[in-house]
Each structure stands twice: as C-alpha cells, then as structure tokens.
C-alpha cells in the first residue's frame, strides 16, 4: 500500500523531524548506504561499484554524521534501522556500510 511508505531525503534535517513526529507510525527505517557516495542522486553504475575507488569526500563524512544521528534517533524512538546492503555489502568493508561508517 503506497500510503504505508515514506520516502525521505538523505542528509535532510527535515527527514529526521518527520521520523520524530511520526514515530508512532514507523516500524523501521531502511537506508541505502550507497547513497553516501552520491547523496540524493541516482546510484552509480555497476562498473563504479566494482571498482576499489572509495574516496572519502566532505559529503561522505557528512553522510557518516547523518547516519550517526539517524542511528541515535531510531534507537531513542525504538525504531529498527535497517541498512540495505544489496549493492554495498562487502564492497565497502567486510562488515558492510555499518563497519565502514562505524554505525551499528
């Protein structure tokens, strides 16, 4: 049912506010950590994913901070935080994006 899903922007304080205000309706937040390399843009191609290029830019550091805020918010509100690791998985680190960004 389309009304059961909220699509929010990465790195947007308003997204955290929506989760906070609608926490009673939210069972889980699903994050695609691949977006860290291209915030709010289409994901990179398979060729880029297969490469070993993992440049840490300002936006990547900003994404880590945002993930930390999201982790804290979800923990405080009792909402499950799920990392969609289908594309990233072991490509970022053996423990996936959670290990790469240091967010559990």
N, C-alpha and C. Protein backbone atom coordinates (compact mmCIF):
# COMPACT_ATOMS: atom_id res chain seq x y z
N UNK A 1 0.85 -1.17 0.00
CA UNK A 1 0.00 0.00 0.00
C UNK A 1 0.90 1.24 0.00
N UNK A 2 0.83 2.07 -1.02
CA UNK A 2 1.71 3.24 -1.11
C UNK A 2 1.66 4.17 0.10
N UNK A 3 0.54 4.26 0.76
CA UNK A 3 0.43 5.13 1.93
C UNK A 3 1.20 4.63 3.13
N UNK A 4 1.72 3.39 3.05
CA UNK A 4 2.44 2.82 4.17
C UNK A 4 3.94 3.06 4.10
N UNK A 5 4.41 3.78 3.09
CA UNK A 5 5.84 4.02 2.90
C UNK A 5 6.10 5.52 2.80
N UNK A 6 7.09 5.97 3.56
CA UNK A 6 7.54 7.36 3.46
C UNK A 6 8.88 7.35 2.77
N UNK A 7 9.07 8.19 1.79
CA UNK A 7 10.36 8.34 1.12
C UNK A 7 10.91 9.69 1.53
N UNK A 8 12.07 9.66 2.19
CA UNK A 8 12.66 10.89 2.72
C UNK A 8 14.04 11.11 2.11
N UNK A 9 14.49 12.35 2.13
CA UNK A 9 15.79 12.69 1.55
C UNK A 9 16.92 12.42 2.53
N UNK A 10 18.03 11.93 1.99
CA UNK A 10 19.24 11.78 2.78
C UNK A 10 19.77 13.16 3.16
N UNK A 11 20.41 13.22 4.31
CA UNK A 11 21.11 14.42 4.79
C UNK A 11 20.18 15.59 5.10
N UNK A 12 18.89 15.36 5.12
CA UNK A 12 17.95 16.46 5.34
C UNK A 12 17.45 16.44 6.80
N UNK A 13 17.70 17.52 7.54
CA UNK A 13 17.18 17.58 8.91
C UNK A 13 15.67 17.38 8.96
N UNK A 14 14.97 17.80 7.92
CA UNK A 14 13.51 17.63 7.89
C UNK A 14 13.14 16.15 7.89
N UNK A 15 13.97 15.29 7.30
CA UNK A 15 13.70 13.86 7.30
C UNK A 15 13.74 13.31 8.72
N UNK A 16 14.71 13.76 9.51
CA UNK A 16 14.78 13.34 10.91
C UNK A 16 13.56 13.84 11.67
N UNK A 17 13.12 15.04 11.37
CA UNK A 17 11.92 15.59 12.03
C UNK A 17 10.68 14.76 11.70
N UNK A 18 10.54 14.36 10.45
CA UNK A 18 9.38 13.54 10.06
C UNK A 18 9.38 12.24 10.85
N UNK A 19 10.53 11.61 10.96
CA UNK A 19 10.63 10.35 11.72
C UNK A 19 10.27 10.60 13.18
N UNK A 20 10.78 11.67 13.74
CA UNK A 20 10.50 12.01 15.13
C UNK A 20 9.00 12.22 15.34
N UNK A 21 8.37 12.99 14.47
CA UNK A 21 6.96 13.34 14.64
C UNK A 21 6.02 12.18 14.31
N UNK A 22 6.46 11.26 13.46
CA UNK A 22 5.58 10.16 13.06
C UNK A 22 6.06 8.81 13.59
N UNK A 23 6.88 8.85 14.62
CA UNK A 23 7.48 7.63 15.17
C UNK A 23 6.44 6.57 15.53
N UNK A 24 5.29 7.00 15.99
CA UNK A 24 4.25 6.05 16.39
C UNK A 24 3.71 5.25 15.20
N UNK A 25 3.98 5.71 13.98
CA UNK A 25 3.53 5.03 12.77
C UNK A 25 4.64 4.22 12.08
N UNK A 26 5.87 4.35 12.55
CA UNK A 26 7.03 3.81 11.84
C UNK A 26 7.58 2.57 12.55
N UNK A 27 7.65 1.46 11.81
CA UNK A 27 8.22 0.22 12.36
C UNK A 27 9.72 0.15 12.08
N UNK A 28 10.16 0.67 10.93
CA UNK A 28 11.57 0.57 10.56
C UNK A 28 11.94 1.68 9.58
N UNK A 29 13.22 2.02 9.60
CA UNK A 29 13.80 2.93 8.63
C UNK A 29 14.80 2.12 7.83
N UNK A 30 14.67 2.14 6.51
CA UNK A 30 15.58 1.41 5.63
C UNK A 30 16.45 2.44 4.91
N UNK A 31 17.75 2.26 5.03
CA UNK A 31 18.71 3.19 4.43
C UNK A 31 19.56 2.44 3.41
N UNK A 32 19.75 3.05 2.26
CA UNK A 32 20.65 2.52 1.25
C UNK A 32 21.96 3.28 1.38
N UNK A 33 22.98 2.72 2.05
CA UNK A 33 24.22 3.45 2.29
C UNK A 33 25.01 3.78 1.03
N UNK A 34 24.65 3.18 -0.08
CA UNK A 34 25.28 3.52 -1.36
C UNK A 34 25.12 5.00 -1.66
N UNK A 35 24.06 5.58 -1.17
CA UNK A 35 23.78 7.00 -1.41
C UNK A 35 24.86 7.91 -0.82
N UNK A 36 25.66 7.39 0.09
CA UNK A 36 26.71 8.21 0.70
C UNK A 36 27.66 8.78 -0.35
N UNK A 37 27.82 8.06 -1.45
CA UNK A 37 28.75 8.49 -2.48
C UNK A 37 28.10 9.40 -3.50
N UNK A 38 26.77 9.46 -3.48
CA UNK A 38 26.01 10.30 -4.41
C UNK A 38 24.72 10.73 -3.73
N UNK A 39 24.79 11.53 -2.65
CA UNK A 39 23.58 11.87 -1.89
C UNK A 39 22.46 12.42 -2.79
N UNK A 40 21.27 11.89 -2.60
CA UNK A 40 20.06 12.34 -3.29
C UNK A 40 20.20 12.33 -4.81
N UNK A 41 20.98 11.38 -5.32
CA UNK A 41 21.16 11.22 -6.76
C UNK A 41 20.99 9.75 -7.10
N UNK A 42 20.81 9.43 -8.36
CA UNK A 42 20.72 8.01 -8.74
C UNK A 42 22.01 7.28 -8.35
N UNK A 43 21.91 5.99 -8.06
CA UNK A 43 23.11 5.24 -7.66
C UNK A 43 24.10 5.11 -8.81
N UNK A 44 25.37 4.90 -8.48
CA UNK A 44 26.39 4.73 -9.52
C UNK A 44 26.18 3.42 -10.27
N UNK A 45 26.85 3.30 -11.40
CA UNK A 45 26.75 2.11 -12.23
C UNK A 45 27.46 0.93 -11.58
N UNK A 46 27.21 -0.27 -12.12
CA UNK A 46 27.88 -1.47 -11.62
C UNK A 46 29.40 -1.36 -11.78
N UNK A 47 29.85 -0.70 -12.84
CA UNK A 47 31.29 -0.53 -13.06
C UNK A 47 31.92 0.26 -11.91
N UNK A 48 31.26 1.31 -11.49
CA UNK A 48 31.76 2.10 -10.36
C UNK A 48 31.73 1.27 -9.08
N UNK A 49 30.65 0.52 -8.88
CA UNK A 49 30.54 -0.32 -7.69
C UNK A 49 31.64 -1.37 -7.62
N UNK A 50 32.02 -1.89 -8.78
CA UNK A 50 33.03 -2.95 -8.82
C UNK A 50 34.45 -2.42 -8.62
N UNK A 51 34.63 -1.12 -8.74
CA UNK A 51 35.96 -0.55 -8.59
C UNK A 51 36.33 -0.47 -7.11
N UNK A 52 37.60 -0.23 -6.87
CA UNK A 52 38.07 -0.07 -5.49
C UNK A 52 38.18 1.39 -5.10
N UNK A 53 37.60 2.27 -5.86
CA UNK A 53 37.67 3.69 -5.57
C UNK A 53 36.66 4.01 -4.48
N UNK A 54 37.13 4.39 -3.33
CA UNK A 54 36.27 4.72 -2.21
C UNK A 54 36.73 6.04 -1.61
N UNK A 55 36.71 7.07 -2.40
CA UNK A 55 37.16 8.37 -1.92
C UNK A 55 36.28 8.89 -0.81
N UNK A 56 36.90 9.40 0.22
CA UNK A 56 36.15 9.99 1.33
C UNK A 56 36.12 11.50 1.10
N UNK A 57 34.98 11.96 0.69
CA UNK A 57 34.82 13.39 0.43
C UNK A 57 34.11 14.02 1.62
N UNK A 58 33.95 15.33 1.54
CA UNK A 58 33.20 16.01 2.59
C UNK A 58 31.79 15.46 2.68
N UNK A 59 31.18 15.13 1.53
CA UNK A 59 29.82 14.61 1.57
C UNK A 59 29.78 13.23 2.23
N UNK A 60 30.85 12.43 2.09
CA UNK A 60 30.89 11.12 2.74
C UNK A 60 30.99 11.29 4.25
N UNK A 61 31.82 12.22 4.70
CA UNK A 61 31.92 12.49 6.14
C UNK A 61 30.60 13.04 6.67
N UNK A 62 29.97 13.89 5.89
CA UNK A 62 28.67 14.43 6.28
C UNK A 62 27.63 13.30 6.37
N UNK A 63 27.70 12.36 5.45
CA UNK A 63 26.77 11.22 5.46
C UNK A 63 26.98 10.37 6.71
N UNK A 64 28.23 10.16 7.11
CA UNK A 64 28.53 9.40 8.34
C UNK A 64 27.90 10.08 9.54
N UNK A 65 28.03 11.39 9.63
CA UNK A 65 27.43 12.14 10.73
C UNK A 65 25.91 12.00 10.70
N UNK A 66 25.35 12.06 9.50
CA UNK A 66 23.90 11.92 9.36
C UNK A 66 23.45 10.53 9.80
N UNK A 67 24.21 9.50 9.41
CA UNK A 67 23.87 8.14 9.83
C UNK A 67 23.94 7.99 11.35
N UNK A 68 24.90 8.63 11.97
CA UNK A 68 25.01 8.59 13.43
C UNK A 68 23.78 9.22 14.07
N UNK A 69 23.32 10.34 13.51
CA UNK A 69 22.11 10.99 14.02
C UNK A 69 20.89 10.08 13.82
N UNK A 70 20.83 9.44 12.65
CA UNK A 70 19.71 8.54 12.36
C UNK A 70 19.73 7.35 13.32
N UNK A 71 20.92 6.78 13.56
CA UNK A 71 21.05 5.66 14.49
C UNK A 71 20.53 6.04 15.88
N UNK A 72 20.96 7.20 16.37
CA UNK A 72 20.55 7.66 17.70
C UNK A 72 19.04 7.89 17.76
N UNK A 73 18.51 8.54 16.74
CA UNK A 73 17.08 8.82 16.70
C UNK A 73 16.27 7.52 16.71
N UNK A 74 16.65 6.58 15.85
CA UNK A 74 15.92 5.31 15.79
C UNK A 74 16.02 4.54 17.10
N UNK A 75 17.20 4.53 17.71
CA UNK A 75 17.38 3.86 19.00
C UNK A 75 16.50 4.51 20.06
N UNK A 76 16.54 5.83 20.14
CA UNK A 76 15.75 6.56 21.14
C UNK A 76 14.26 6.33 20.98
N UNK A 77 13.80 6.16 19.72
CA UNK A 77 12.37 6.01 19.45
C UNK A 77 11.93 4.55 19.34
N UNK A 78 12.87 3.62 19.45
CA UNK A 78 12.54 2.20 19.36
C UNK A 78 12.17 1.75 17.95
N UNK A 79 12.77 2.39 16.96
CA UNK A 79 12.53 2.07 15.55
C UNK A 79 13.72 1.30 15.02
N UNK A 80 13.45 0.19 14.33
CA UNK A 80 14.55 -0.59 13.73
C UNK A 80 15.20 0.21 12.60
N UNK A 81 16.53 0.22 12.57
CA UNK A 81 17.28 0.86 11.48
C UNK A 81 17.90 -0.26 10.65
N UNK A 82 17.52 -0.33 9.39
CA UNK A 82 17.96 -1.40 8.50
C UNK A 82 18.82 -0.80 7.39
N UNK A 83 20.01 -1.34 7.22
CA UNK A 83 20.89 -0.93 6.12
C UNK A 83 20.63 -1.87 4.95
N UNK A 84 20.21 -1.32 3.82
CA UNK A 84 20.03 -2.10 2.59
C UNK A 84 21.41 -2.26 1.97
N UNK A 85 21.99 -3.43 2.16
CA UNK A 85 23.38 -3.68 1.74
C UNK A 85 23.46 -4.49 0.44
N UNK A 86 22.38 -4.54 -0.32
CA UNK A 86 22.38 -5.34 -1.54
C UNK A 86 23.51 -4.91 -2.47
N UNK A 87 23.70 -3.63 -2.65
CA UNK A 87 24.75 -3.14 -3.55
C UNK A 87 26.08 -2.94 -2.86
N UNK A 88 26.06 -2.50 -1.61
CA UNK A 88 27.32 -2.18 -0.94
C UNK A 88 27.94 -3.39 -0.30
N UNK A 89 27.22 -4.06 0.57
CA UNK A 89 27.70 -5.28 1.23
C UNK A 89 29.17 -5.23 1.57
N UNK A 90 29.90 -6.23 1.15
CA UNK A 90 31.33 -6.34 1.45
C UNK A 90 32.19 -5.40 0.63
N UNK A 91 31.62 -4.69 -0.33
CA UNK A 91 32.42 -3.82 -1.19
C UNK A 91 33.03 -2.65 -0.41
N UNK A 92 32.34 -2.19 0.62
CA UNK A 92 32.85 -1.08 1.42
C UNK A 92 33.80 -1.55 2.50
N UNK A 93 33.44 -2.64 3.16
CA UNK A 93 34.23 -3.21 4.26
C UNK A 93 33.69 -4.62 4.51
N UNK A 94 34.46 -5.47 5.18
CA UNK A 94 33.96 -6.82 5.46
C UNK A 94 32.61 -6.80 6.21
N UNK A 95 32.40 -5.80 7.04
CA UNK A 95 31.14 -5.67 7.78
C UNK A 95 30.15 -4.75 7.11
N UNK A 96 30.38 -4.47 5.84
CA UNK A 96 29.46 -3.63 5.08
C UNK A 96 29.52 -2.16 5.48
N UNK A 97 28.49 -1.43 5.12
CA UNK A 97 28.44 0.00 5.39
C UNK A 97 28.43 0.30 6.88
N UNK A 98 27.85 -0.59 7.67
CA UNK A 98 27.83 -0.37 9.11
C UNK A 98 29.25 -0.28 9.65
N UNK A 99 30.11 -1.18 9.19
CA UNK A 99 31.51 -1.13 9.61
C UNK A 99 32.22 0.07 9.00
N UNK A 100 32.01 0.30 7.73
CA UNK A 100 32.67 1.41 7.01
C UNK A 100 32.41 2.75 7.69
N UNK A 101 31.14 2.98 8.06
CA UNK A 101 30.77 4.26 8.68
C UNK A 101 30.81 4.23 10.20
N UNK A 102 31.04 3.04 10.78
CA UNK A 102 31.09 2.94 12.23
C UNK A 102 29.75 3.15 12.90
N UNK A 103 28.69 2.75 12.23
CA UNK A 103 27.34 2.91 12.76
C UNK A 103 26.69 1.53 12.82
N UNK A 104 26.28 1.11 13.98
CA UNK A 104 25.67 -0.22 14.14
C UNK A 104 24.18 -0.14 14.26
